[in-house]
Amino acid sequence: MTTITNTCKELKLSWIRDNHQHELAEASRKNRTPEQLLERLLNGETEARKTRATQRRLRAAKLPGIHHLDSFDWTWPTKINADHIRHLAGLSFTKSHTNIVFIGTVGLGKSHLASAIGRLACLRRQNVLFESAASIVNPLTEAQSKGNLRAAMRRYAKPQLLIIDELGYLPVDRIGAELLFQVFGDRYEKASTIITTNRPYKDWTQTFANDAVMTSAVLDRIMHHCETVVIEGPSYRMKNRVDLSEQPKWRAPQSIKPASR
């Protein structure tokens, strides 16, 4: 058995290495043919590799927790098209490189839904990356200052599904707006992007450095192939408050500043 174990280790057949003795004993006990034994060993190795690959994709996706559509409270929003979202969860949009934009105020589950769809994509063997708009802008700004922008951009161009969370919550300066424009441009008609935002399209100029021309160009690339999901209602985070008037006072967010050089 030592020779088999060492050979499996060299060939990176870890499941067969760990399970071949058990399978040999079972084959003898159940009078399985050599072909049946070999088939079980190969199937076991194949399934183990698929599981490991899925786990790697989920780790690389950086999803903000384990979210499922079944755990979403569909009764809370006053406006939500559940059938539309369940259809999107079928992932046909990734085959046509269509984008999804979730629009709604804070606390309505936009990130939950985007993350749940991202998880399903990982399970379907698609590469996914979940990032907030701020966590995209800052490293790209730093990479640009160091002359490494092209390499840094590949991180956001490569995934079959890129999820950009909280676009519009913090306004970006002109450099950040231009970098986001490049991200959308690199992915245009090549891969799908999911965006969650608290701003309707008409207010996106405020997100992109108050540049109407750039905002128009961004919207053109996003909306050419796009499914828009509008969610309305009070914040779910306020659900258990006795008096909604007790919610903390809102403070205007600060702009996303470029990373220090």
C-alpha atoms as a PDB file:
ATOM      1  CA  MET A   1       0.000   0.000   0.000  1.00  0.00           C
ATOM      2  CA  THR A   2       2.954   2.316   0.576  1.00  0.00           C
ATOM      3  CA  THR A   3       3.740   2.332  -3.149  1.00  0.00           C
ATOM      4  CA  ILE A   4       0.133   3.204  -4.019  1.00  0.00           C
ATOM      5  CA  THR A   5       0.067   5.969  -1.420  1.00  0.00           C
ATOM      6  CA  ASN A   6       3.311   7.492  -2.665  1.00  0.00           C
ATOM      7  CA  THR A   7       2.233   7.264  -6.306  1.00  0.00           C
ATOM      8  CA  CYS A   8      -1.105   8.932  -5.530  1.00  0.00           C
ATOM      9  CA  LYS A   9       0.740  11.675  -3.682  1.00  0.00           C
ATOM     10  CA  GLU A  10       3.039  12.253  -6.653  1.00  0.00           C
ATOM     11  CA  LEU A  11       0.082  12.348  -9.042  1.00  0.00           C
ATOM     12  CA  LYS A  12      -1.905  14.581  -6.654  1.00  0.00           C
ATOM     13  CA  LEU A  13      -4.692  12.002  -6.341  1.00  0.00           C
ATOM     14  CA  SER A  14      -5.429  12.922  -2.751  1.00  0.00           C
ATOM     15  CA  TRP A  15      -8.906  11.366  -2.505  1.00  0.00           C
ATOM     16  CA  ILE A  16      -7.705   8.028  -3.887  1.00  0.00           C
ATOM     17  CA  ARG A  17      -4.664   8.199  -1.589  1.00  0.00           C
ATOM     18  CA  ASP A  18      -6.898   8.641   1.451  1.00  0.00           C
ATOM     19  CA  ASN A  19      -9.672   6.227   0.458  1.00  0.00           C
ATOM     20  CA  HIS A  20      -8.194   3.422  -1.646  1.00  0.00           C
ATOM     21  CA  GLN A  21      -7.806   0.990   1.274  1.00  0.00           C
ATOM     22  CA  HIS A  22     -11.438   1.428   2.291  1.00  0.00           C
ATOM     23  CA  GLU A  23     -12.593   1.053  -1.309  1.00  0.00           C
ATOM     24  CA  LEU A  24     -10.487  -2.100  -1.773  1.00  0.00           C
ATOM     25  CA  ALA A  25     -12.013  -3.625   1.348  1.00  0.00           C
ATOM     26  CA  GLU A  26     -15.522  -2.676   0.208  1.00  0.00           C
ATOM     27  CA  ALA A  27     -14.862  -4.091  -3.252  1.00  0.00           C
ATOM     28  CA  SER A  28     -13.795  -7.399  -1.736  1.00  0.00           C
ATOM     29  CA  ARG A  29     -16.748  -7.511   0.649  1.00  0.00           C
ATOM     30  CA  LYS A  30     -19.309  -6.661  -2.050  1.00  0.00           C
ATOM     31  CA  ASN A  31     -17.668  -8.655  -4.856  1.00  0.00           C
ATOM     32  CA  ARG A  32     -17.189  -5.597  -7.061  1.00  0.00           C
ATOM     33  CA  THR A  33     -15.404  -6.058 -10.368  1.00  0.00           C
ATOM     34  CA  PRO A  34     -12.073  -4.313 -11.027  1.00  0.00           C
ATOM     35  CA  GLU A  35     -13.894  -1.977 -13.415  1.00  0.00           C
ATOM     36  CA  GLN A  36     -16.421  -1.050 -10.720  1.00  0.00           C
ATOM     37  CA  LEU A  37     -13.641  -0.414  -8.218  1.00  0.00           C
ATOM     38  CA  LEU A  38     -11.733   1.767 -10.668  1.00  0.00           C
ATOM     39  CA  GLU A  39     -14.893   3.698 -11.524  1.00  0.00           C
ATOM     40  CA  ARG A  40     -15.594   4.383  -7.831  1.00  0.00           C
ATOM     41  CA  LEU A  41     -12.036   5.561  -7.234  1.00  0.00           C
ATOM     42  CA  LEU A  42     -12.054   7.893 -10.233  1.00  0.00           C
ATOM     43  CA  ASN A  43     -15.525   9.249  -9.441  1.00  0.00           C
ATOM     44  CA  GLY A  44     -14.492   9.898  -5.858  1.00  0.00           C
ATOM     45  CA  GLU A  45     -11.381  11.774  -6.972  1.00  0.00           C
ATOM     46  CA  THR A  46     -13.374  13.793  -9.510  1.00  0.00           C
ATOM     47  CA  GLU A  47     -16.023  14.847  -6.982  1.00  0.00           C
ATOM     48  CA  ALA A  48     -13.379  15.737  -4.398  1.00  0.00           C
ATOM     49  CA  ARG A  49     -11.620  17.956  -6.921  1.00  0.00           C
ATOM     50  CA  LYS A  50     -14.882  19.679  -7.818  1.00  0.00           C
ATOM     51  CA  THR A  51     -15.562  20.334  -4.135  1.00  0.00           C
ATOM     52  CA  ARG A  52     -12.086  21.762  -3.567  1.00  0.00           C
ATOM     53  CA  ALA A  53     -12.400  23.948  -6.660  1.00  0.00           C
ATOM     54  CA  THR A  54     -15.747  25.295  -5.437  1.00  0.00           C
ATOM     55  CA  GLN A  55     -14.262  26.065  -2.029  1.00  0.00           C
ATOM     56  CA  ARG A  56     -11.384  27.922  -3.697  1.00  0.00           C
ATOM     57  CA  ARG A  57     -13.803  29.972  -5.798  1.00  0.00           C
ATOM     58  CA  LEU A  58     -15.879  30.866  -2.743  1.00  0.00           C
ATOM     59  CA  ARG A  59     -12.784  31.998  -0.844  1.00  0.00           C
ATOM     60  CA  ALA A  60     -11.507  34.012  -3.802  1.00  0.00           C
ATOM     61  CA  ALA A  61     -14.925  35.650  -4.285  1.00  0.00           C
ATOM     62  CA  LYS A  62     -14.667  37.441  -0.912  1.00  0.00           C
ATOM     63  CA  LEU A  63     -18.423  37.269  -0.424  1.00  0.00           C
ATOM     64  CA  PRO A  64     -19.560  39.063   2.758  1.00  0.00           C
ATOM     65  CA  GLY A  65     -20.971  35.960   4.413  1.00  0.00           C
ATOM     66  CA  ILE A  66     -23.040  32.987   3.304  1.00  0.00           C
ATOM     67  CA  HIS A  67     -26.252  34.343   1.821  1.00  0.00           C
ATOM     68  CA  HIS A  68     -29.121  32.427   0.235  1.00  0.00           C
ATOM     69  CA  LEU A  69     -32.211  33.601  -1.582  1.00  0.00           C
ATOM     70  CA  ASP A  70     -34.262  31.328   0.679  1.00  0.00           C
ATOM     71  CA  SER A  71     -33.117  33.264   3.753  1.00  0.00           C
ATOM     72  CA  PHE A  72     -34.139  36.636   2.308  1.00  0.00           C
ATOM     73  CA  ASP A  73     -37.252  38.202   3.863  1.00  0.00           C
ATOM     74  CA  TRP A  74     -39.297  38.857   0.735  1.00  0.00           C
ATOM     75  CA  THR A  75     -42.165  40.262   2.807  1.00  0.00           C
ATOM     76  CA  TRP A  76     -40.205  43.217   4.173  1.00  0.00           C
ATOM     77  CA  PRO A  77     -39.714  45.484   1.129  1.00  0.00           C
ATOM     78  CA  THR A  78     -42.817  47.317  -0.008  1.00  0.00           C
ATOM     79  CA  LYS A  79     -41.673  46.881  -3.606  1.00  0.00           C
ATOM     80  CA  ILE A  80     -39.622  43.967  -4.922  1.00  0.00           C
ATOM     81  CA  ASN A  81     -40.025  41.642  -7.893  1.00  0.00           C
ATOM     82  CA  ALA A  82     -39.142  38.281  -6.371  1.00  0.00           C
ATOM     83  CA  ASP A  83     -39.839  36.369  -9.590  1.00  0.00           C
ATOM     84  CA  HIS A  84     -37.443  38.595 -11.513  1.00  0.00           C
ATOM     85  CA  ILE A  85     -34.686  38.045  -8.957  1.00  0.00           C
ATOM     86  CA  ARG A  86     -35.226  34.281  -8.882  1.00  0.00           C
ATOM     87  CA  HIS A  87     -34.980  34.284 -12.662  1.00  0.00           C
ATOM     88  CA  LEU A  88     -31.677  36.163 -12.447  1.00  0.00           C
ATOM     89  CA  ALA A  89     -30.457  33.553  -9.960  1.00  0.00           C
ATOM     90  CA  GLY A  90     -30.612  31.076 -12.824  1.00  0.00           C
ATOM     91  CA  LEU A  91     -27.469  32.874 -14.067  1.00  0.00           C
ATOM     92  CA  SER A  92     -28.446  33.044 -17.729  1.00  0.00           C
ATOM     93  CA  PHE A  93     -27.401  36.707 -17.583  1.00  0.00           C
ATOM     94  CA  THR A  94     -23.740  35.727 -17.226  1.00  0.00           C
ATOM     95  CA  LYS A  95     -23.849  33.850 -20.533  1.00  0.00           C
ATOM     96  CA  SER A  96     -25.031  36.976 -22.368  1.00  0.00           C
ATOM     97  CA  HIS A  97     -22.671  39.258 -20.396  1.00  0.00           C
ATOM     98  CA  THR A  98     -25.649  41.173 -19.067  1.00  0.00           C
ATOM     99  CA  ASN A  99     -25.278  43.402 -16.012  1.00  0.00           C
ATOM    100  CA  ILE A 100     -27.577  43.683 -12.994  1.00  0.00           C
ATOM    101  CA  VAL A 101     -28.144  46.886 -11.032  1.00  0.00           C
ATOM    102  CA  PHE A 102     -29.905  46.699  -7.655  1.00  0.00           C
ATOM    103  CA  ILE A 103     -31.275  50.131  -6.720  1.00  0.00           C
ATOM    104  CA  GLY A 104     -32.669  50.922  -3.280  1.00  0.00           C
ATOM    105  CA  THR A 105     -32.067  52.802  -0.074  1.00  0.00           C
ATOM    106  CA  VAL A 106     -29.945  51.351   2.727  1.00  0.00           C
ATOM    107  CA  GLY A 107     -31.036  48.253   4.598  1.00  0.00           C
ATOM    108  CA  LEU A 108     -33.195  46.638   1.919  1.00  0.00           C
ATOM    109  CA  GLY A 109     -31.001  43.607   1.238  1.00  0.00           C
ATOM    110  CA  LYS A 110     -29.310  44.628  -2.001  1.00  0.00           C
ATOM    111  CA  SER A 111     -25.954  43.253  -0.847  1.00  0.00           C
ATOM    112  CA  HIS A 112     -27.619  40.079   0.453  1.00  0.00           C
ATOM    113  CA  LEU A 113     -29.200  39.394  -2.939  1.00  0.00           C
ATOM    114  CA  ALA A 114     -26.028  40.206  -4.862  1.00  0.00           C
ATOM    115  CA  SER A 115     -24.001  37.950  -2.575  1.00  0.00           C
ATOM    116  CA  ALA A 116     -26.527  35.118  -2.892  1.00  0.00           C
ATOM    117  CA  ILE A 117     -26.339  35.283  -6.685  1.00  0.00           C
ATOM    118  CA  GLY A 118     -22.547  35.426  -6.463  1.00  0.00           C
ATOM    119  CA  ARG A 119     -22.531  32.287  -4.325  1.00  0.00           C
ATOM    120  CA  LEU A 120     -24.693  30.455  -6.863  1.00  0.00           C
ATOM    121  CA  ALA A 121     -22.280  31.499  -9.610  1.00  0.00           C
ATOM    122  CA  CYS A 122     -19.373  30.039  -7.620  1.00  0.00           C
ATOM    123  CA  LEU A 123     -21.277  26.770  -7.299  1.00  0.00           C
ATOM    124  CA  ARG A 124     -21.763  26.806 -11.091  1.00  0.00           C
ATOM    125  CA  ARG A 125     -17.977  26.992 -11.582  1.00  0.00           C
ATOM    126  CA  GLN A 126     -17.853  30.700 -12.354  1.00  0.00           C
ATOM    127  CA  ASN A 127     -15.143  32.979 -11.012  1.00  0.00           C
ATOM    128  CA  VAL A 128     -16.638  35.748  -8.874  1.00  0.00           C
ATOM    129  CA  LEU A 129     -15.262  38.784  -7.042  1.00  0.00           C
ATOM    130  CA  PHE A 130     -17.234  40.878  -4.542  1.00  0.00           C
ATOM    131  CA  GLU A 131     -15.828  44.326  -3.703  1.00  0.00           C
ATOM    132  CA  SER A 132     -17.195  47.644  -2.516  1.00  0.00           C
ATOM    133  CA  ALA A 133     -16.695  50.588  -4.843  1.00  0.00           C
ATOM    134  CA  ALA A 134     -14.270  52.105  -2.332  1.00  0.00           C
ATOM    135  CA  SER A 135     -12.187  48.933  -2.117  1.00  0.00           C
ATOM    136  CA  ILE A 136     -11.790  49.029  -5.898  1.00  0.00           C
ATOM    137  CA  VAL A 137     -10.926  52.709  -6.219  1.00  0.00           C
ATOM    138  CA  ASN A 138      -8.264  52.885  -3.513  1.00  0.00           C
ATOM    139  CA  PRO A 139      -5.948  50.067  -4.691  1.00  0.00           C
ATOM    140  CA  LEU A 140      -6.324  51.158  -8.319  1.00  0.00           C
ATOM    141  CA  THR A 141      -5.358  54.707  -7.374  1.00  0.00           C
ATOM    142  CA  GLU A 142      -2.288  53.391  -5.584  1.00  0.00           C
ATOM    143  CA  ALA A 143      -1.397  51.130  -8.512  1.00  0.00           C
ATOM    144  CA  GLN A 144      -1.709  54.052 -10.918  1.00  0.00           C
ATOM    145  CA  SER A 145       0.699  56.119  -8.819  1.00  0.00           C
ATOM    146  CA  LYS A 146       3.209  53.253  -8.940  1.00  0.00           C
ATOM    147  CA  GLY A 147       2.823  52.591 -12.659  1.00  0.00           C
ATOM    148  CA  ASN A 148       1.138  49.203 -12.097  1.00  0.00           C
ATOM    149  CA  LEU A 149      -2.375  50.104 -13.198  1.00  0.00           C
ATOM    150  CA  ARG A 150      -2.623  47.636 -16.075  1.00  0.00           C
ATOM    151  CA  ALA A 151      -1.771  44.683 -13.843  1.00  0.00           C
ATOM    152  CA  ALA A 152      -4.125  45.902 -11.105  1.00  0.00           C
ATOM    153  CA  MET A 153      -6.972  46.306 -13.595  1.00  0.00           C
ATOM    154  CA  ARG A 154      -6.749  42.632 -14.531  1.00  0.00           C
ATOM    155  CA  ARG A 155      -8.037  41.716 -11.076  1.00  0.00           C
ATOM    156  CA  TYR A 156     -11.366  43.346 -11.959  1.00  0.00           C
ATOM    157  CA  ALA A 157     -11.444  42.428 -15.644  1.00  0.00           C
ATOM    158  CA  LYS A 158     -10.918  38.670 -15.218  1.00  0.00           C
ATOM    159  CA  PRO A 159     -13.872  37.466 -13.082  1.00  0.00           C
ATOM    160  CA  GLN A 160     -16.851  36.110 -14.961  1.00  0.00           C
ATOM    161  CA  LEU A 161     -18.961  37.979 -12.407  1.00  0.00           C
ATOM    162  CA  LEU A 162     -17.804  41.148 -10.644  1.00  0.00           C
ATOM    163  CA  ILE A 163     -20.020  42.475  -7.846  1.00  0.00           C
ATOM    164  CA  ILE A 164     -19.524  46.157  -7.016  1.00  0.00           C
ATOM    165  CA  ASP A 165     -21.240  46.950  -3.746  1.00  0.00           C
ATOM    166  CA  GLU A 166     -22.330  50.348  -2.433  1.00  0.00           C
ATOM    167  CA  LEU A 167     -21.713  52.353  -5.589  1.00  0.00           C
ATOM    168  CA  GLY A 168     -22.841  55.885  -4.833  1.00  0.00           C
ATOM    169  CA  TYR A 169     -22.799  55.646  -1.059  1.00  0.00           C
ATOM    170  CA  LEU A 170     -19.523  57.560  -1.085  1.00  0.00           C
ATOM    171  CA  PRO A 171     -18.849  60.001  -3.932  1.00  0.00           C
ATOM    172  CA  VAL A 172     -15.550  59.456  -5.726  1.00  0.00           C
ATOM    173  CA  ASP A 173     -13.148  62.130  -6.886  1.00  0.00           C
ATOM    174  CA  ARG A 174     -12.276  62.554 -10.540  1.00  0.00           C
ATOM    175  CA  ILE A 175      -9.368  60.093 -10.453  1.00  0.00           C
ATOM    176  CA  GLY A 176     -11.561  57.451  -8.830  1.00  0.00           C
ATOM    177  CA  ALA A 177     -14.359  58.105 -11.307  1.00  0.00           C
ATOM    178  CA  GLU A 178     -11.980  57.640 -14.230  1.00  0.00           C
ATOM    179  CA  LEU A 179     -10.680  54.384 -12.757  1.00  0.00           C
ATOM    180  CA  LEU A 180     -14.197  52.998 -12.289  1.00  0.00           C
ATOM    181  CA  PHE A 181     -14.945  54.033 -15.859  1.00  0.00           C
ATOM    182  CA  GLN A 182     -11.971  51.936 -16.982  1.00  0.00           C
ATOM    183  CA  VAL A 183     -13.234  48.953 -14.987  1.00  0.00           C
ATOM    184  CA  PHE A 184     -16.630  49.149 -16.693  1.00  0.00           C
ATOM    185  CA  GLY A 185     -14.955  49.674 -20.053  1.00  0.00           C
ATOM    186  CA  ASP A 186     -12.713  46.622 -19.656  1.00  0.00           C
ATOM    187  CA  ARG A 187     -15.700  44.419 -18.830  1.00  0.00           C
ATOM    188  CA  TYR A 188     -18.088  45.828 -21.437  1.00  0.00           C
ATOM    189  CA  GLU A 189     -19.660  42.971 -23.443  1.00  0.00           C
ATOM    190  CA  LYS A 190     -17.035  40.573 -22.045  1.00  0.00           C
ATOM    191  CA  ALA A 191     -18.312  39.721 -18.564  1.00  0.00           C
ATOM    192  CA  SER A 192     -21.211  40.501 -16.244  1.00  0.00           C
ATOM    193  CA  THR A 193     -21.189  43.003 -13.396  1.00  0.00           C
ATOM    194  CA  ILE A 194     -23.661  43.286 -10.523  1.00  0.00           C
ATOM    195  CA  ILE A 195     -23.928  46.730  -8.937  1.00  0.00           C
ATOM    196  CA  THR A 196     -25.725  47.664  -5.743  1.00  0.00           C
ATOM    197  CA  THR A 197     -26.462  51.347  -5.287  1.00  0.00           C
ATOM    198  CA  ASN A 198     -28.598  53.664  -3.202  1.00  0.00           C
ATOM    199  CA  ARG A 199     -28.891  56.168  -6.048  1.00  0.00           C
ATOM    200  CA  PRO A 200     -31.312  56.142  -8.993  1.00  0.00           C
ATOM    201  CA  TYR A 201     -29.647  56.516 -12.372  1.00  0.00           C
ATOM    202  CA  LYS A 202     -30.546  60.202 -12.602  1.00  0.00           C
ATOM    203  CA  ASP A 203     -28.350  60.912  -9.566  1.00  0.00           C
ATOM    204  CA  TRP A 204     -25.250  59.021 -10.709  1.00  0.00           C
ATOM    205  CA  THR A 205     -23.576  62.249 -11.806  1.00  0.00           C
ATOM    206  CA  GLN A 206     -23.058  62.974  -8.100  1.00  0.00           C
ATOM    207  CA  THR A 207     -21.148  59.705  -7.803  1.00  0.00           C
ATOM    208  CA  PHE A 208     -18.865  60.325 -10.763  1.00  0.00           C
ATOM    209  CA  ALA A 209     -17.258  63.633  -9.773  1.00  0.00           C
ATOM    210  CA  ASN A 210     -20.256  65.621 -11.082  1.00  0.00           C
ATOM    211  CA  ASP A 211     -19.022  64.911 -14.602  1.00  0.00           C
ATOM    212  CA  ALA A 212     -22.094  64.525 -16.801  1.00  0.00           C
ATOM    213  CA  VAL A 213     -20.106  63.333 -19.820  1.00  0.00           C
ATOM    214  CA  MET A 214     -18.311  60.602 -17.886  1.00  0.00           C
ATOM    215  CA  THR A 215     -21.502  59.544 -16.135  1.00  0.00           C
ATOM    216  CA  SER A 216     -23.264  59.250 -19.477  1.00  0.00           C
ATOM    217  CA  ALA A 217     -20.428  57.084 -20.807  1.00  0.00           C
ATOM    218  CA  VAL A 218     -20.522  54.850 -17.712  1.00  0.00           C
ATOM    219  CA  LEU A 219     -24.290  54.417 -17.946  1.00  0.00           C
ATOM    220  CA  ASP A 220     -24.025  53.681 -21.655  1.00  0.00           C
ATOM    221  CA  ARG A 221     -21.689  50.757 -20.991  1.00  0.00           C
ATOM    222  CA  ILE A 222     -23.611  49.413 -18.019  1.00  0.00           C
ATOM    223  CA  MET A 223     -27.131  49.772 -19.386  1.00  0.00           C
ATOM    224  CA  HIS A 224     -26.531  48.537 -22.935  1.00  0.00           C
ATOM    225  CA  HIS A 225     -27.089  45.010 -21.602  1.00  0.00           C
ATOM    226  CA  CYS A 226     -28.649  45.409 -18.171  1.00  0.00           C
ATOM    227  CA  GLU A 227     -31.390  44.186 -15.832  1.00  0.00           C
ATOM    228  CA  THR A 228     -32.475  46.790 -13.264  1.00  0.00           C
ATOM    229  CA  VAL A 229     -33.991  45.676  -9.957  1.00  0.00           C
ATOM    230  CA  VAL A 230     -35.628  48.436  -7.899  1.00  0.00           C
ATOM    231  CA  ILE A 231     -36.319  47.698  -4.225  1.00  0.00           C
ATOM    232  CA  GLU A 232     -38.340  50.034  -2.022  1.00  0.00           C
ATOM    233  CA  GLY A 233     -39.258  50.084   1.651  1.00  0.00           C
ATOM    234  CA  PRO A 234     -37.905  50.953   5.103  1.00  0.00           C
ATOM    235  CA  SER A 235     -34.550  49.658   6.288  1.00  0.00           C
ATOM    236  CA  TYR A 236     -34.696  46.043   7.491  1.00  0.00           C
ATOM    237  CA  ARG A 237     -32.170  46.962  10.174  1.00  0.00           C
ATOM    238  CA  MET A 238     -34.869  49.145  11.746  1.00  0.00           C
ATOM    239  CA  LYS A 239     -37.364  46.269  11.851  1.00  0.00           C
ATOM    240  CA  ASN A 240     -37.080  45.597  15.576  1.00  0.00           C
ATOM    241  CA  ARG A 241     -37.053  49.237  16.691  1.00  0.00           C
ATOM    242  CA  VAL A 242     -40.135  50.192  18.656  1.00  0.00           C
ATOM    243  CA  ASP A 243     -39.974  53.772  17.436  1.00  0.00           C
ATOM    244  CA  LEU A 244     -38.436  54.507  14.058  1.00  0.00           C
ATOM    245  CA  SER A 245     -37.867  58.084  15.170  1.00  0.00           C
ATOM    246  CA  GLU A 246     -35.151  56.759  17.480  1.00  0.00           C
ATOM    247  CA  GLN A 247     -32.841  55.947  14.588  1.00  0.00           C
ATOM    248  CA  PRO A 248     -29.449  57.687  14.760  1.00  0.00           C
ATOM    249  CA  LYS A 249     -28.966  60.981  12.976  1.00  0.00           C
ATOM    250  CA  TRP A 250     -27.584  60.640   9.473  1.00  0.00           C
ATOM    251  CA  ARG A 251     -24.211  62.143   8.708  1.00  0.00           C
ATOM    252  CA  ALA A 252     -23.123  63.030   5.204  1.00  0.00           C
ATOM    253  CA  PRO A 253     -20.440  60.556   4.060  1.00  0.00           C
ATOM    254  CA  GLN A 254     -16.993  61.765   3.116  1.00  0.00           C
ATOM    255  CA  SER A 255     -15.653  61.346  -0.384  1.00  0.00           C
ATOM    256  CA  ILE A 256     -13.518  58.348  -1.240  1.00  0.00           C
ATOM    257  CA  LYS A 257     -10.020  59.723  -1.141  1.00  0.00           C
ATOM    258  CA  PRO A 258      -7.193  58.283  -3.215  1.00  0.00           C
ATOM    259  CA  ALA A 259      -4.823  56.012  -1.330  1.00  0.00           C
ATOM    260  CA  SER A 260      -1.796  57.798   0.080  1.00  0.00           C
ATOM    261  CA  ARG A 261       1.126  57.775  -2.282  1.00  0.00           C
END
